[in-house]
Amino acid sequence: MLERLRGLFAPQQAEDPAAARRRLRLAAAMLLLEIAWADFDLQPGELEAVGAALGRSFGLDASQVDLLLAAAQSAHEEEVSIHPYVREINRCFDLEAKERLIEEMWRVALSDRVLDKYEEGQIRRIAELLYVPHARFIRAKLRAQGRMDQAGG
């Protein structure tokens, strides 16, 4: 017990940057997938939108995206809360990066051309947990909608 207490106050060892990147990518993937799962009807287009968002956000190729999605889907089966992933995003992302992530969530939600109330509610909840101001939340939504309109949807 005393050793555990000492460990709390001991200087922390530097984390491997590759492990930190993997954890951050997994956190973003989990939050994006939460939107796709929010309406209890995961569509192939939504999964493709999550993959595209991860590729854009982190500069990943298709095989890296596939591995990340597989890891996130596996983690989803074991997790009971999104809070560890929210905490990771809050720790690593600045406000602009959080707003871009919220925009990607909107793009996932709109990818099947139907904005379900559960998807919208989940994006709103995550935005609040990420401390994204309402004006930025709305701006991200409007940008995502504009991109969908430009894409012909």
N, C-alpha and C. Protein backbone atom coordinates (compact mmCIF):
# COMPACT_ATOMS: atom_id res chain seq x y z
N MET A 1 0.82 -1.19 0.00
CA MET A 1 0.00 0.00 0.00
C MET A 1 0.87 1.25 0.00
N LEU A 2 1.89 1.26 0.82
CA LEU A 2 2.78 2.41 0.90
C LEU A 2 3.49 2.62 -0.44
N GLU A 3 3.86 1.54 -1.09
CA GLU A 3 4.52 1.65 -2.40
C GLU A 3 3.59 2.28 -3.43
N ARG A 4 2.32 1.93 -3.41
CA ARG A 4 1.36 2.52 -4.35
C ARG A 4 1.23 4.01 -4.11
N LEU A 5 1.20 4.42 -2.84
CA LEU A 5 1.13 5.84 -2.52
C LEU A 5 2.38 6.58 -2.99
N ARG A 6 3.54 5.96 -2.80
CA ARG A 6 4.78 6.59 -3.28
C ARG A 6 4.73 6.72 -4.80
N GLY A 7 4.18 5.73 -5.45
CA GLY A 7 4.08 5.76 -6.91
C GLY A 7 3.23 6.92 -7.41
N LEU A 8 2.24 7.30 -6.62
CA LEU A 8 1.39 8.43 -7.01
C LEU A 8 2.16 9.74 -7.04
N PHE A 9 3.16 9.85 -6.15
CA PHE A 9 3.89 11.11 -6.04
C PHE A 9 5.26 11.06 -6.70
N ALA A 10 5.64 9.91 -7.20
CA ALA A 10 6.93 9.78 -7.89
C ALA A 10 6.83 10.41 -9.28
N PRO A 11 7.94 10.92 -9.78
CA PRO A 11 7.91 11.48 -11.14
C PRO A 11 7.50 10.40 -12.14
N GLN A 12 6.63 10.78 -13.04
CA GLN A 12 6.14 9.83 -14.04
C GLN A 12 7.16 9.66 -15.15
N GLN A 13 7.32 8.44 -15.62
CA GLN A 13 8.21 8.18 -16.73
C GLN A 13 7.56 8.69 -18.01
N ALA A 14 8.39 9.15 -18.91
CA ALA A 14 7.88 9.63 -20.20
C ALA A 14 7.26 8.46 -20.96
N GLU A 15 6.10 8.72 -21.51
CA GLU A 15 5.40 7.68 -22.26
C GLU A 15 5.96 7.58 -23.66
N ASP A 16 5.95 6.40 -24.19
CA ASP A 16 6.36 6.16 -25.56
C ASP A 16 5.45 6.97 -26.49
N PRO A 17 6.01 7.83 -27.35
CA PRO A 17 5.16 8.65 -28.23
C PRO A 17 4.26 7.82 -29.15
N ALA A 18 4.73 6.68 -29.59
CA ALA A 18 3.91 5.83 -30.46
C ALA A 18 2.69 5.30 -29.70
N ALA A 19 2.89 4.93 -28.44
CA ALA A 19 1.77 4.45 -27.62
C ALA A 19 0.77 5.58 -27.37
N ALA A 20 1.28 6.78 -27.15
CA ALA A 20 0.40 7.93 -26.92
C ALA A 20 -0.43 8.22 -28.18
N ARG A 21 0.21 8.13 -29.36
CA ARG A 21 -0.52 8.35 -30.62
C ARG A 21 -1.60 7.30 -30.81
N ARG A 22 -1.27 6.04 -30.52
CA ARG A 22 -2.26 4.96 -30.66
C ARG A 22 -3.45 5.19 -29.74
N ARG A 23 -3.18 5.60 -28.50
CA ARG A 23 -4.25 5.82 -27.54
C ARG A 23 -5.15 6.99 -27.98
N LEU A 24 -4.54 8.06 -28.49
CA LEU A 24 -5.31 9.20 -28.96
C LEU A 24 -6.15 8.83 -30.18
N ARG A 25 -5.58 8.09 -31.11
CA ARG A 25 -6.33 7.66 -32.29
C ARG A 25 -7.48 6.75 -31.91
N LEU A 26 -7.25 5.86 -30.96
CA LEU A 26 -8.31 4.97 -30.50
C LEU A 26 -9.42 5.78 -29.84
N ALA A 27 -9.06 6.79 -29.07
CA ALA A 27 -10.07 7.63 -28.42
C ALA A 27 -10.94 8.33 -29.46
N ALA A 28 -10.32 8.89 -30.48
CA ALA A 28 -11.08 9.57 -31.54
C ALA A 28 -11.97 8.56 -32.27
N ALA A 29 -11.43 7.39 -32.56
CA ALA A 29 -12.22 6.36 -33.26
C ALA A 29 -13.42 5.94 -32.42
N MET A 30 -13.22 5.77 -31.13
CA MET A 30 -14.32 5.36 -30.26
C MET A 30 -15.42 6.41 -30.24
N LEU A 31 -15.05 7.68 -30.17
CA LEU A 31 -16.07 8.73 -30.13
C LEU A 31 -16.80 8.85 -31.46
N LEU A 32 -16.08 8.70 -32.56
CA LEU A 32 -16.74 8.72 -33.87
C LEU A 32 -17.69 7.53 -34.02
N LEU A 33 -17.26 6.38 -33.58
CA LEU A 33 -18.11 5.19 -33.66
C LEU A 33 -19.34 5.32 -32.76
N GLU A 34 -19.20 6.04 -31.66
CA GLU A 34 -20.36 6.26 -30.79
C GLU A 34 -21.49 6.94 -31.56
N ILE A 35 -21.13 7.82 -32.47
CA ILE A 35 -22.15 8.50 -33.27
C ILE A 35 -22.80 7.51 -34.23
N ALA A 36 -22.00 6.69 -34.87
CA ALA A 36 -22.54 5.70 -35.81
C ALA A 36 -23.45 4.71 -35.09
N TRP A 37 -23.14 4.39 -33.85
CA TRP A 37 -23.93 3.41 -33.08
C TRP A 37 -25.11 4.05 -32.36
N ALA A 38 -25.16 5.36 -32.31
CA ALA A 38 -26.16 6.05 -31.48
C ALA A 38 -27.59 5.69 -31.84
N ASP A 39 -27.86 5.46 -33.12
CA ASP A 39 -29.24 5.15 -33.54
C ASP A 39 -29.50 3.65 -33.60
N PHE A 40 -28.55 2.85 -33.12
CA PHE A 40 -28.69 1.39 -33.05
C PHE A 40 -28.84 0.76 -34.43
N ASP A 41 -28.33 1.46 -35.46
CA ASP A 41 -28.43 0.96 -36.84
C ASP A 41 -27.17 1.37 -37.59
N LEU A 42 -26.10 0.63 -37.40
CA LEU A 42 -24.83 0.94 -38.03
C LEU A 42 -24.91 0.62 -39.53
N GLN A 43 -24.83 1.66 -40.33
CA GLN A 43 -24.89 1.53 -41.78
C GLN A 43 -23.46 1.48 -42.35
N PRO A 44 -23.26 0.75 -43.45
CA PRO A 44 -21.92 0.71 -44.05
C PRO A 44 -21.38 2.10 -44.38
N GLY A 45 -22.24 3.01 -44.82
CA GLY A 45 -21.80 4.37 -45.12
C GLY A 45 -21.29 5.10 -43.91
N GLU A 46 -21.89 4.82 -42.75
CA GLU A 46 -21.43 5.45 -41.51
C GLU A 46 -20.04 4.94 -41.14
N LEU A 47 -19.84 3.64 -41.29
CA LEU A 47 -18.53 3.07 -40.99
C LEU A 47 -17.48 3.63 -41.96
N GLU A 48 -17.84 3.79 -43.22
CA GLU A 48 -16.93 4.40 -44.20
C GLU A 48 -16.63 5.85 -43.81
N ALA A 49 -17.64 6.56 -43.33
CA ALA A 49 -17.44 7.96 -42.91
C ALA A 49 -16.50 8.03 -41.71
N VAL A 50 -16.62 7.10 -40.79
CA VAL A 50 -15.71 7.06 -39.64
C VAL A 50 -14.29 6.81 -40.14
N GLY A 51 -14.13 5.85 -41.04
CA GLY A 51 -12.80 5.56 -41.59
C GLY A 51 -12.21 6.76 -42.32
N ALA A 52 -13.04 7.43 -43.12
CA ALA A 52 -12.57 8.62 -43.84
C ALA A 52 -12.16 9.71 -42.87
N ALA A 53 -12.93 9.90 -41.80
CA ALA A 53 -12.60 10.92 -40.80
C ALA A 53 -11.27 10.61 -40.13
N LEU A 54 -11.05 9.34 -39.81
CA LEU A 54 -9.79 8.96 -39.17
C LEU A 54 -8.62 9.15 -40.12
N GLY A 55 -8.82 8.80 -41.38
CA GLY A 55 -7.76 9.00 -42.37
C GLY A 55 -7.42 10.47 -42.52
N ARG A 56 -8.43 11.33 -42.62
CA ARG A 56 -8.21 12.77 -42.74
C ARG A 56 -7.54 13.34 -41.49
N SER A 57 -8.05 12.95 -40.34
CA SER A 57 -7.60 13.54 -39.08
C SER A 57 -6.18 13.16 -38.71
N PHE A 58 -5.80 11.94 -39.03
CA PHE A 58 -4.50 11.45 -38.58
C PHE A 58 -3.56 11.08 -39.72
N GLY A 59 -3.97 11.29 -40.97
CA GLY A 59 -3.10 10.97 -42.10
C GLY A 59 -2.84 9.48 -42.23
N LEU A 60 -3.87 8.67 -41.99
CA LEU A 60 -3.71 7.22 -42.04
C LEU A 60 -4.09 6.68 -43.41
N ASP A 61 -3.42 5.59 -43.81
CA ASP A 61 -3.81 4.93 -45.05
C ASP A 61 -4.91 3.92 -44.74
N ALA A 62 -5.43 3.29 -45.79
CA ALA A 62 -6.59 2.40 -45.63
C ALA A 62 -6.32 1.24 -44.68
N SER A 63 -5.13 0.65 -44.75
CA SER A 63 -4.85 -0.49 -43.87
C SER A 63 -4.73 -0.04 -42.42
N GLN A 64 -4.17 1.13 -42.18
CA GLN A 64 -4.08 1.65 -40.81
C GLN A 64 -5.47 1.97 -40.27
N VAL A 65 -6.32 2.53 -41.12
CA VAL A 65 -7.70 2.83 -40.71
C VAL A 65 -8.43 1.54 -40.36
N ASP A 66 -8.27 0.51 -41.19
CA ASP A 66 -8.93 -0.77 -40.92
C ASP A 66 -8.50 -1.35 -39.58
N LEU A 67 -7.20 -1.29 -39.28
CA LEU A 67 -6.70 -1.79 -38.00
C LEU A 67 -7.26 -0.98 -36.83
N LEU A 68 -7.31 0.33 -37.00
CA LEU A 68 -7.83 1.19 -35.94
C LEU A 68 -9.32 0.94 -35.71
N LEU A 69 -10.07 0.79 -36.79
CA LEU A 69 -11.51 0.50 -36.65
C LEU A 69 -11.73 -0.84 -35.97
N ALA A 70 -10.94 -1.83 -36.32
CA ALA A 70 -11.08 -3.15 -35.70
C ALA A 70 -10.78 -3.05 -34.20
N ALA A 71 -9.74 -2.31 -33.85
CA ALA A 71 -9.39 -2.13 -32.43
C ALA A 71 -10.50 -1.41 -31.69
N ALA A 72 -11.07 -0.39 -32.32
CA ALA A 72 -12.14 0.38 -31.67
C ALA A 72 -13.40 -0.46 -31.51
N GLN A 73 -13.74 -1.24 -32.51
CA GLN A 73 -14.93 -2.10 -32.40
C GLN A 73 -14.73 -3.15 -31.33
N SER A 74 -13.54 -3.67 -31.23
CA SER A 74 -13.24 -4.65 -30.18
C SER A 74 -13.30 -3.99 -28.79
N ALA A 75 -12.74 -2.80 -28.68
CA ALA A 75 -12.77 -2.09 -27.40
C ALA A 75 -14.19 -1.74 -27.00
N HIS A 76 -15.02 -1.43 -27.98
CA HIS A 76 -16.41 -1.06 -27.70
C HIS A 76 -17.16 -2.20 -27.01
N GLU A 77 -16.84 -3.42 -27.37
CA GLU A 77 -17.51 -4.58 -26.76
C GLU A 77 -17.16 -4.72 -25.29
N GLU A 78 -16.00 -4.18 -24.88
CA GLU A 78 -15.54 -4.33 -23.50
C GLU A 78 -15.81 -3.10 -22.65
N GLU A 79 -16.00 -1.94 -23.27
CA GLU A 79 -16.15 -0.69 -22.54
C GLU A 79 -17.59 -0.45 -22.10
N VAL A 80 -17.72 0.23 -21.00
CA VAL A 80 -19.04 0.61 -20.52
C VAL A 80 -19.21 2.13 -20.50
N SER A 81 -18.14 2.86 -20.80
CA SER A 81 -18.19 4.31 -20.72
C SER A 81 -17.30 4.94 -21.79
N ILE A 82 -17.72 6.10 -22.27
CA ILE A 82 -16.89 6.85 -23.20
C ILE A 82 -15.95 7.81 -22.48
N HIS A 83 -16.10 7.94 -21.18
CA HIS A 83 -15.35 8.94 -20.43
C HIS A 83 -13.83 8.79 -20.51
N PRO A 84 -13.26 7.59 -20.52
CA PRO A 84 -11.80 7.53 -20.69
C PRO A 84 -11.35 8.11 -22.03
N TYR A 85 -12.16 7.95 -23.05
CA TYR A 85 -11.82 8.46 -24.38
C TYR A 85 -12.01 9.97 -24.43
N VAL A 86 -13.05 10.47 -23.81
CA VAL A 86 -13.27 11.91 -23.71
C VAL A 86 -12.11 12.55 -22.96
N ARG A 87 -11.69 11.92 -21.88
CA ARG A 87 -10.58 12.44 -21.07
C ARG A 87 -9.30 12.53 -21.92
N GLU A 88 -9.07 11.52 -22.73
CA GLU A 88 -7.87 11.51 -23.58
C GLU A 88 -7.92 12.65 -24.61
N ILE A 89 -9.08 12.84 -25.23
CA ILE A 89 -9.23 13.93 -26.19
C ILE A 89 -9.05 15.28 -25.49
N ASN A 90 -9.65 15.44 -24.32
CA ASN A 90 -9.49 16.69 -23.57
C ASN A 90 -8.04 16.95 -23.21
N ARG A 91 -7.32 15.91 -22.93
CA ARG A 91 -5.92 16.04 -22.54
C ARG A 91 -5.03 16.43 -23.71
N CYS A 92 -5.36 15.95 -24.90
CA CYS A 92 -4.45 16.09 -26.04
C CYS A 92 -4.87 17.09 -27.10
N PHE A 93 -6.15 17.37 -27.23
CA PHE A 93 -6.64 18.25 -28.30
C PHE A 93 -6.87 19.66 -27.78
N ASP A 94 -6.51 20.64 -28.61
CA ASP A 94 -6.90 22.01 -28.30
C ASP A 94 -8.32 22.23 -28.81
N LEU A 95 -8.86 23.42 -28.59
CA LEU A 95 -10.25 23.70 -28.94
C LEU A 95 -10.51 23.53 -30.44
N GLU A 96 -9.57 23.96 -31.27
CA GLU A 96 -9.76 23.82 -32.72
C GLU A 96 -9.82 22.36 -33.15
N ALA A 97 -8.96 21.54 -32.58
CA ALA A 97 -8.96 20.11 -32.91
C ALA A 97 -10.25 19.44 -32.42
N LYS A 98 -10.73 19.87 -31.27
CA LYS A 98 -12.00 19.34 -30.77
C LYS A 98 -13.15 19.72 -31.70
N GLU A 99 -13.14 20.96 -32.18
CA GLU A 99 -14.19 21.40 -33.09
C GLU A 99 -14.14 20.60 -34.40
N ARG A 100 -12.94 20.33 -34.90
CA ARG A 100 -12.82 19.49 -36.11
C ARG A 100 -13.36 18.09 -35.86
N LEU A 101 -13.10 17.55 -34.67
CA LEU A 101 -13.62 16.23 -34.33
C LEU A 101 -15.14 16.25 -34.28
N ILE A 102 -15.71 17.30 -33.71
CA ILE A 102 -17.18 17.44 -33.69
C ILE A 102 -17.72 17.53 -35.12
N GLU A 103 -17.03 18.25 -35.98
CA GLU A 103 -17.46 18.32 -37.38
C GLU A 103 -17.43 16.93 -38.02
N GLU A 104 -16.41 16.16 -37.73
CA GLU A 104 -16.34 14.80 -38.27
C GLU A 104 -17.49 13.95 -37.73
N MET A 105 -17.88 14.18 -36.48
CA MET A 105 -19.03 13.46 -35.92
C MET A 105 -20.30 13.80 -36.69
N TRP A 106 -20.47 15.09 -37.01
CA TRP A 106 -21.63 15.49 -37.81
C TRP A 106 -21.59 14.81 -39.18
N ARG A 107 -20.41 14.73 -39.77
CA ARG A 107 -20.30 14.10 -41.08
C ARG A 107 -20.67 12.62 -41.01
N VAL A 108 -20.29 11.96 -39.92
CA VAL A 108 -20.69 10.56 -39.73
C VAL A 108 -22.20 10.47 -39.60
N ALA A 109 -22.77 11.34 -38.78
CA ALA A 109 -24.22 11.31 -38.55
C ALA A 109 -24.99 11.58 -39.84
N LEU A 110 -24.46 12.44 -40.68
CA LEU A 110 -25.15 12.80 -41.92
C LEU A 110 -24.82 11.89 -43.09
N SER A 111 -23.89 10.97 -42.90
CA SER A 111 -23.43 10.14 -44.02
C SER A 111 -24.52 9.27 -44.62
N ASP A 112 -25.52 8.91 -43.84
CA ASP A 112 -26.62 8.10 -44.37
C ASP A 112 -27.80 8.97 -44.78
N ARG A 113 -27.57 10.30 -44.79
CA ARG A 113 -28.57 11.29 -45.22
C ARG A 113 -29.75 11.41 -44.28
N VAL A 114 -29.62 10.81 -43.08
CA VAL A 114 -30.68 10.89 -42.08
C VAL A 114 -30.04 11.28 -40.77
N LEU A 115 -30.44 12.43 -40.23
CA LEU A 115 -29.93 12.84 -38.93
C LEU A 115 -30.90 12.37 -37.87
N ASP A 116 -30.52 11.30 -37.20
CA ASP A 116 -31.35 10.71 -36.16
C ASP A 116 -31.22 11.53 -34.88
N LYS A 117 -32.29 11.61 -34.12
CA LYS A 117 -32.26 12.39 -32.88
C LYS A 117 -31.26 11.84 -31.87
N TYR A 118 -31.03 10.53 -31.91
CA TYR A 118 -30.06 9.94 -30.99
C TYR A 118 -28.62 10.31 -31.39
N GLU A 119 -28.37 10.37 -32.71
CA GLU A 119 -27.05 10.80 -33.18
C GLU A 119 -26.79 12.25 -32.77
N GLU A 120 -27.77 13.10 -33.02
CA GLU A 120 -27.62 14.51 -32.68
C GLU A 120 -27.44 14.68 -31.16
N GLY A 121 -28.19 13.95 -30.39
CA GLY A 121 -28.05 14.03 -28.94
C GLY A 121 -26.69 13.56 -28.46
N GLN A 122 -26.18 12.52 -29.08
CA GLN A 122 -24.86 12.02 -28.67
C GLN A 122 -23.76 13.02 -29.05
N ILE A 123 -23.87 13.64 -30.22
CA ILE A 123 -22.87 14.65 -30.59
C ILE A 123 -22.93 15.81 -29.60
N ARG A 124 -24.12 16.24 -29.26
CA ARG A 124 -24.28 17.34 -28.31
C ARG A 124 -23.66 16.97 -26.96
N ARG A 125 -23.91 15.77 -26.51
CA ARG A 125 -23.38 15.31 -25.22
C ARG A 125 -21.85 15.28 -25.24
N ILE A 126 -21.29 14.74 -26.31
CA ILE A 126 -19.83 14.65 -26.41
C ILE A 126 -19.23 16.05 -26.51
N ALA A 127 -19.86 16.94 -27.28
CA ALA A 127 -19.36 18.31 -27.39
C ALA A 127 -19.32 18.98 -26.02
N GLU A 128 -20.34 18.76 -25.22
CA GLU A 128 -20.35 19.33 -23.88
C GLU A 128 -19.24 18.75 -23.02
N LEU A 129 -19.02 17.44 -23.12
CA LEU A 129 -17.95 16.80 -22.35
C LEU A 129 -16.57 17.27 -22.79
N LEU A 130 -16.46 17.68 -24.06
CA LEU A 130 -15.20 18.18 -24.59
C LEU A 130 -15.05 19.69 -24.40
N TYR A 131 -16.01 20.30 -23.74
CA TYR A 131 -15.99 21.75 -23.47
C TYR A 131 -15.96 22.57 -24.76
N VAL A 132 -16.67 22.09 -25.77
CA VAL A 132 -16.79 22.84 -27.03
C VAL A 132 -17.97 23.80 -26.88
N PRO A 133 -17.71 25.11 -27.00
CA PRO A 133 -18.81 26.08 -26.86
C PRO A 133 -19.90 25.83 -27.90
N HIS A 134 -21.12 26.19 -27.54
CA HIS A 134 -22.27 25.93 -28.41
C HIS A 134 -22.10 26.56 -29.79
N ALA A 135 -21.55 27.75 -29.87
CA ALA A 135 -21.36 28.40 -31.17
C ALA A 135 -20.45 27.57 -32.07
N ARG A 136 -19.42 26.98 -31.51
CA ARG A 136 -18.52 26.13 -32.30
C ARG A 136 -19.20 24.82 -32.68
N PHE A 137 -20.02 24.31 -31.79
CA PHE A 137 -20.80 23.11 -32.05
C PHE A 137 -21.69 23.34 -33.28
N ILE A 138 -22.38 24.46 -33.31
CA ILE A 138 -23.27 24.80 -34.43
C ILE A 138 -22.45 25.05 -35.70
N ARG A 139 -21.35 25.76 -35.57
CA ARG A 139 -20.49 26.03 -36.74
C ARG A 139 -20.01 24.72 -37.36
N ALA A 140 -19.62 23.76 -36.53
CA ALA A 140 -19.17 22.46 -37.04
C ALA A 140 -20.31 21.75 -37.77
N LYS A 141 -21.51 21.84 -37.22
CA LYS A 141 -22.68 21.22 -37.86
C LYS A 141 -22.93 21.85 -39.22
N LEU A 142 -22.90 23.17 -39.29
CA LEU A 142 -23.17 23.86 -40.55
C LEU A 142 -22.10 23.55 -41.61
N ARG A 143 -20.86 23.45 -41.19
CA ARG A 143 -19.79 23.08 -42.14
C ARG A 143 -20.02 21.67 -42.67
N ALA A 144 -20.37 20.75 -41.78
CA ALA A 144 -20.61 19.37 -42.21
C ALA A 144 -21.80 19.31 -43.17
N GLN A 145 -22.86 20.04 -42.85
CA GLN A 145 -24.02 20.07 -43.73
C GLN A 145 -23.66 20.68 -45.09
N GLY A 146 -22.86 21.74 -45.08
CA GLY A 146 -22.43 22.37 -46.32
C GLY A 146 -21.61 21.42 -47.17
N ARG A 147 -20.76 20.64 -46.53
CA ARG A 147 -19.95 19.67 -47.28
C ARG A 147 -20.83 18.58 -47.87
N MET A 148 -21.84 18.18 -47.13
CA MET A 148 -22.78 17.17 -47.65
C MET A 148 -23.55 17.72 -48.84
N ASP A 149 -23.96 18.99 -48.76
CA ASP A 149 -24.67 19.62 -49.87
C ASP A 149 -23.78 19.73 -51.10
N GLN A 150 -22.51 20.06 -50.89
CA GLN A 150 -21.57 20.16 -52.00
C GLN A 150 -21.32 18.79 -52.65
N ALA A 151 -21.39 17.75 -51.83
CA ALA A 151 -21.14 16.39 -52.34
C ALA A 151 -22.36 15.86 -53.09
N GLY A 152 -23.44 16.63 -53.10
CA GLY A 152 -24.60 16.18 -53.85
C GLY A 152 -25.61 15.44 -53.05
N GLY A 153 -25.65 15.67 -51.73
CA GLY A 153 -26.60 14.96 -50.91
C GLY A 153 -27.57 15.87 -50.38
